[in-house]
Protein backbone atom coordinates (compact mmCIF):
# COMPACT_ATOMS: atom_id res chain seq x y z
CA MET A 1 104.92 24.10 -109.73
CA ASN A 2 103.91 26.64 -107.09
CA ASP A 3 107.03 28.55 -106.07
CA ASP A 4 105.53 29.06 -102.61
CA PHE A 5 106.03 25.35 -101.99
CA LEU A 6 109.60 25.06 -103.29
CA TYR A 7 110.92 28.42 -102.11
CA ARG A 8 110.58 30.52 -98.99
CA ASP A 9 111.86 33.81 -97.66
CA VAL A 10 113.26 33.37 -94.15
CA PRO A 11 114.75 36.74 -93.17
CA ALA A 12 116.87 35.36 -90.32
CA LEU A 13 118.71 33.02 -92.70
CA GLY A 14 119.50 35.34 -95.59
CA PRO A 15 118.70 34.75 -99.28
CA ARG A 16 115.52 33.08 -100.51
CA LEU A 17 115.60 29.39 -99.65
CA PHE A 18 115.11 26.39 -101.83
CA ARG A 19 113.30 24.31 -99.22
CA LEU A 20 115.13 21.00 -99.77
CA GLY A 21 118.46 21.38 -98.00
CA LEU A 22 121.43 19.11 -98.67
CA ALA A 23 123.10 17.17 -95.85
CA THR A 24 126.55 16.36 -97.18
CA ASN A 25 127.82 13.65 -94.84
CA TYR A 26 126.06 10.58 -96.27
CA GLY A 27 128.09 9.94 -99.42
CA VAL A 28 127.59 12.65 -102.03
CA GLU A 29 130.78 13.84 -103.71
CA GLY A 30 131.98 17.28 -104.66
CA VAL A 31 130.64 16.95 -108.21
CA ASP A 32 127.23 16.08 -106.75
CA LEU A 33 127.31 19.22 -104.64
CA GLU A 34 128.12 21.28 -107.73
CA TRP A 35 125.22 19.64 -109.57
CA ALA A 36 122.83 20.38 -106.70
CA LEU A 37 123.87 24.03 -106.62
CA ASP A 38 123.24 24.26 -110.36
CA GLN A 39 119.71 22.95 -109.71
CA GLY A 40 119.00 25.73 -107.24
CA VAL A 41 119.76 24.00 -103.93
CA ASN A 42 121.26 26.67 -101.68
CA TYR A 43 121.01 25.36 -98.09
CA ILE A 44 124.05 23.23 -97.30
CA PHE A 45 124.42 21.36 -94.01
CA TRP A 46 128.08 20.53 -93.60
CA THR A 47 130.03 18.70 -90.90
CA PRO A 48 133.76 17.93 -90.76
CA LYS A 49 132.91 14.32 -91.69
CA ALA A 50 132.03 15.51 -95.20
CA ARG A 51 135.66 15.84 -96.25
CA GLN A 52 134.93 14.65 -99.78
CA ILE A 53 132.88 17.74 -100.64
CA THR A 54 134.94 20.36 -98.77
CA PRO A 55 137.06 21.52 -101.76
CA SER A 56 133.93 21.99 -103.91
CA LEU A 57 132.15 23.75 -101.06
CA LYS A 58 135.05 26.16 -100.60
CA SER A 59 135.07 26.91 -104.33
CA ALA A 60 131.32 27.57 -104.29
CA LEU A 61 131.64 29.88 -101.30
CA LYS A 62 134.39 31.83 -103.02
CA ARG A 63 132.46 32.01 -106.28
CA ASP A 64 129.00 33.05 -105.07
CA ARG A 65 128.98 33.49 -101.32
CA GLU A 66 125.81 35.53 -100.91
CA SER A 67 123.60 32.98 -102.69
CA LEU A 68 124.47 30.10 -100.32
CA ILE A 69 123.30 29.34 -96.82
CA LEU A 70 125.93 27.33 -94.98
CA ALA A 71 124.94 25.59 -91.74
CA CYS A 72 127.61 23.99 -89.57
CA GLY A 73 128.83 23.83 -86.00
CA PRO A 74 131.29 22.43 -83.49
CA THR A 75 131.60 18.66 -83.04
CA THR A 76 130.94 19.25 -79.35
CA GLY A 77 129.83 22.42 -77.60
CA TYR A 78 129.95 22.27 -73.83
CA PHE A 79 131.84 25.48 -73.01
CA GLY A 80 131.77 29.00 -74.39
CA GLY A 81 135.47 29.16 -75.11
CA GLY A 82 135.36 25.93 -77.08
CA VAL A 83 132.40 27.17 -79.10
CA ARG A 84 134.24 30.36 -80.06
CA ARG A 85 137.41 28.50 -81.02
CA ALA A 86 135.43 26.02 -83.08
CA CYS A 87 133.85 28.86 -85.03
CA GLU A 88 137.26 30.36 -85.78
CA ARG A 89 138.54 27.00 -87.00
CA LEU A 90 135.55 26.51 -89.29
CA LEU A 91 135.91 29.98 -90.78
CA LYS A 92 139.54 29.27 -91.54
CA LYS A 93 138.92 25.73 -92.83
CA LEU A 94 136.17 26.81 -95.21
CA GLY A 95 137.82 30.04 -96.29
CA THR A 96 134.87 32.29 -95.55
CA ASP A 97 134.41 35.47 -93.52
CA TYR A 98 131.17 34.34 -91.94
CA LEU A 99 128.93 31.31 -91.38
CA ASP A 100 125.26 31.69 -92.20
CA ILE A 101 124.16 29.37 -89.39
CA PHE A 102 126.35 28.27 -86.52
CA GLN A 103 124.58 25.61 -84.49
CA LEU A 104 125.12 23.40 -81.50
CA PHE A 105 124.57 19.76 -82.39
CA TRP A 106 122.25 17.40 -80.48
CA LEU A 107 121.62 19.76 -77.59
CA GLY A 108 121.72 17.93 -74.27
CA ARG A 109 123.97 15.17 -75.58
CA THR A 110 126.94 16.54 -77.54
CA SER A 111 126.39 20.18 -76.57
CA ALA A 112 125.04 22.18 -73.65
CA TRP A 113 122.76 25.20 -73.29
CA THR A 114 124.51 27.16 -70.54
CA PRO A 115 125.20 30.84 -69.85
CA SER A 116 128.68 30.47 -71.36
CA THR A 117 127.58 28.75 -74.58
CA ILE A 118 124.65 31.15 -75.00
CA GLU A 119 126.96 34.14 -74.54
CA ALA A 120 129.43 32.69 -77.04
CA LEU A 121 126.76 32.15 -79.69
CA VAL A 122 125.24 35.60 -79.24
CA SER A 123 128.63 37.34 -79.30
CA LEU A 124 129.59 35.50 -82.49
CA ARG A 125 126.39 36.69 -84.10
CA GLU A 126 126.93 40.25 -82.91
CA SER A 127 130.48 40.20 -84.27
CA GLY A 128 129.26 39.24 -87.75
CA LYS A 129 131.23 36.01 -87.80
CA VAL A 130 127.91 34.16 -87.91
CA ARG A 131 124.61 35.49 -89.21
CA ALA A 132 122.28 33.19 -87.32
CA ILE A 133 122.55 30.80 -84.37
CA GLY A 134 120.74 27.51 -83.90
CA VAL A 135 120.66 24.06 -82.34
CA SER A 136 119.69 20.55 -83.35
CA ILE A 137 117.64 18.89 -80.65
CA HIS A 138 115.57 15.76 -80.05
CA ASP A 139 113.90 16.89 -76.81
CA ARG A 140 110.69 18.34 -78.24
CA LYS A 141 109.35 19.97 -75.11
CA ARG A 142 112.67 21.68 -74.49
CA ALA A 143 112.73 22.76 -78.13
CA GLY A 144 109.29 24.29 -77.67
CA LYS A 145 110.55 26.36 -74.74
CA LEU A 146 113.59 27.48 -76.71
CA ALA A 147 111.37 28.43 -79.63
CA GLN A 148 109.30 30.57 -77.31
CA ASP A 149 112.03 32.23 -75.28
CA SER A 150 115.67 32.17 -76.42
CA PRO A 151 118.00 34.09 -78.74
CA LEU A 152 117.99 31.24 -81.27
CA ASP A 153 117.28 31.98 -84.92
CA MET A 154 116.86 28.32 -85.94
CA LEU A 155 115.79 24.97 -84.55
CA MET A 156 116.71 21.73 -86.33
CA VAL A 157 114.20 19.15 -85.12
CA ARG A 158 113.09 15.61 -85.82
CA TYR A 159 109.86 15.59 -87.78
CA ASN A 160 108.43 12.91 -90.05
CA ALA A 161 105.26 10.90 -90.62
CA ALA A 162 106.16 8.49 -87.81
CA HIS A 163 107.22 11.24 -85.40
CA THR A 164 104.69 14.06 -85.53
CA GLY A 165 105.05 15.23 -81.93
CA ALA A 166 106.59 18.53 -83.05
CA GLU A 167 103.10 19.53 -84.17
CA GLN A 168 102.05 19.67 -80.51
CA ASP A 169 105.30 20.38 -78.67
CA ILE A 170 107.19 22.81 -80.93
CA PHE A 171 105.22 24.39 -83.77
CA PRO A 172 102.59 26.12 -81.57
CA HIS A 173 105.42 27.99 -79.81
CA ILE A 174 107.05 29.59 -82.86
CA THR A 175 104.30 32.06 -83.71
CA GLU A 176 105.78 35.07 -81.88
CA ARG A 177 109.56 34.83 -82.33
CA LYS A 178 109.33 32.78 -85.55
CA PRO A 179 112.67 30.93 -85.45
CA ALA A 180 113.37 29.02 -88.66
CA ILE A 181 112.44 25.34 -88.49
CA VAL A 182 114.68 22.79 -90.21
CA ALA A 183 113.27 19.25 -90.25
CA TYR A 184 115.56 16.25 -90.33
CA THR A 185 115.17 12.46 -90.19
CA ALA A 186 112.40 12.90 -92.77
CA THR A 187 112.57 9.22 -93.81
CA ARG A 188 112.89 8.05 -90.19
CA TRP A 189 116.31 6.56 -90.95
CA ARG A 190 114.73 4.97 -94.07
CA GLY A 191 112.17 3.15 -91.91
CA LEU A 192 109.36 4.95 -93.72
CA LEU A 193 110.52 3.52 -97.05
CA LYS A 194 109.78 -0.09 -96.07
CA ARG A 195 106.47 -1.90 -96.04
CA PRO A 196 105.41 -2.68 -92.47
CA LYS A 197 103.96 -6.09 -91.68
CA GLY A 198 100.29 -6.31 -92.56
CA TRP A 199 100.18 -3.08 -94.57
CA SER A 200 98.55 -3.53 -97.98
CA GLY A 201 98.46 0.09 -99.15
CA PRO A 202 101.13 2.16 -100.90
CA VAL A 203 104.54 2.59 -99.30
CA MET A 204 106.11 6.01 -98.93
CA THR A 205 108.95 7.11 -101.18
CA ALA A 206 111.71 9.46 -100.09
CA SER A 207 110.04 12.32 -101.93
CA ASP A 208 106.77 11.57 -100.09
CA CYS A 209 108.70 11.97 -96.83
CA TYR A 210 110.04 15.37 -97.87
CA ARG A 211 106.67 16.47 -99.22
CA PHE A 212 105.06 15.54 -95.90
CA CYS A 213 107.47 17.78 -94.00
CA LEU A 214 107.25 20.69 -96.42
CA SER A 215 103.45 20.54 -96.57
CA ASN A 216 103.45 21.67 -92.94
CA PRO A 217 103.50 25.49 -93.05
CA HIS A 218 105.72 25.66 -89.97
CA VAL A 219 108.61 23.81 -91.63
CA ASP A 220 110.93 26.07 -93.58
CA ILE A 221 113.45 23.48 -94.79
CA VAL A 222 113.76 19.71 -94.81
CA LEU A 223 117.14 18.04 -95.14
CA THR A 224 117.90 15.24 -97.57
CA GLY A 225 120.94 13.04 -97.04
CA PRO A 226 121.42 11.16 -100.32
CA LYS A 227 124.12 8.54 -100.72
CA ASN A 228 124.74 9.34 -104.37
CA ARG A 229 123.75 11.51 -107.35
CA GLN A 230 120.92 9.19 -108.39
CA GLN A 231 119.13 9.54 -105.06
CA LEU A 232 119.63 13.29 -105.11
CA GLN A 233 118.26 13.57 -108.65
CA GLU A 234 115.21 11.48 -107.82
CA ASN A 235 114.48 13.49 -104.68
CA LEU A 236 114.65 16.81 -106.51
CA ALA A 237 112.71 15.67 -109.57
CA ASN A 238 109.86 14.14 -107.59
CA LEU A 239 109.61 17.11 -105.25
CA ARG A 240 109.30 19.48 -108.19
CA LYS A 241 106.85 17.24 -110.02
CA LYS A 242 104.49 16.36 -107.20
CA GLY A 243 104.43 19.45 -104.97
CA PRO A 244 102.47 19.59 -101.70
CA LEU A 245 100.43 16.68 -100.42
CA SER A 246 96.78 16.39 -101.31
CA ARG A 247 94.33 15.76 -98.48
CA GLU A 248 94.07 12.10 -99.50
CA GLU A 249 97.86 11.70 -99.55
CA ASN A 250 98.17 13.33 -96.15
CA ASP A 251 95.62 10.91 -94.70
CA TRP A 252 97.29 7.73 -95.95
CA ILE A 253 100.78 8.97 -95.08
CA ARG A 254 99.73 9.70 -91.51
CA ASP A 255 98.12 6.27 -91.22
CA PHE A 256 101.25 4.68 -92.65
CA GLY A 257 103.50 6.66 -90.31
CA GLN A 258 101.52 5.58 -87.25
CA ILE A 259 101.95 1.91 -88.17
CA VAL A 260 105.69 2.36 -88.79
CA HIS A 261 106.02 4.08 -85.42
CA ARG A 262 104.09 1.33 -83.68
CA ASP A 263 106.02 -1.51 -85.28
CA SER A 264 109.52 -0.07 -85.13
CA SER A 265 111.69 -0.88 -82.14
CA ARG A 266 115.26 -0.25 -83.32
CA PHE A 267 117.01 3.10 -83.56
CA THR A 268 119.36 3.67 -86.50
CA PHE A 269 120.92 6.83 -87.87
CA GLY A 270 120.36 8.68 -91.14
CA PHE A 271 118.32 11.38 -92.83
C-alpha cells in the first residue's frame, strides 16, 4: 500500500496523520479505541456523548500524548466566555494540558462566528491550551470564505459521493492558507450503502465511501463512526487493501452518488 494514501503530514495538526479518523460517539467501546490505536489510528474525534470510551482515551493520552491528535469542542459556542470555560472543562475532564484541535460544532446552528468567539479561539491557541482551532460547518459557501480568510486551522465539512459541492465551493479556496480538511458524513448517513431504485450496478461499501473522500487530494482526513469493532476492522482492512480509487471506480461511484442524491428525500444523522 502507498503510504502517501494512508498517511499525511499536516503541520497545523501535529504528528503524521493516519487519514482515517475515529469518531467515538456511535457505539465503539474503550477496548475498541485501544485496538484502533494499536492499528495506527491517531486522529480521535471525541464529544462528551462518548462517555464509554473516556477512561481509555484518558489512559492513552497519559501514555503517549504526542502521538495522538485529539479533536473536540464545546457542546454550544455562542459567546467567547463560554468557549473559554468549555475548553478549561475539557482539559480537566480529559486530564491533558492541551487539546490538539478545539472546534466549534455546526457553525451557524449550535455555535456562532463572532468577534468574541473568534478572539476566544485565537487566545486559546496563543496560550498553548489548544494547538489548532477549527469548525464543523454545513454551509459550503461560508466554509469557502472561512478557508480563504480566517484564523482557522481546520474545517470539518460534509463531503461524500452524493454531496460533492465542496469541490466547487470549498476546495478551490484552500490553496493559499491551506487549512486542514476533515470530511465527515462519508456514507451519507448510510444512504450510500443501499441500492437505489432502478440501479443495477454495484453498491458502495463503507470503505468505498472513505476511499472516495481520501482519493481527493484536498481531503486530509475522513471520519468513520463505526457502531462496533467488526465495522471498524472491516473499514480499516478494506482501506489498506484497496487504496485510492481507480478511474473506473471513481466514475461509477460518482454516477451512483448522483442517483442517491436525486432519490433521497429524508435527512438522518450519522457518519
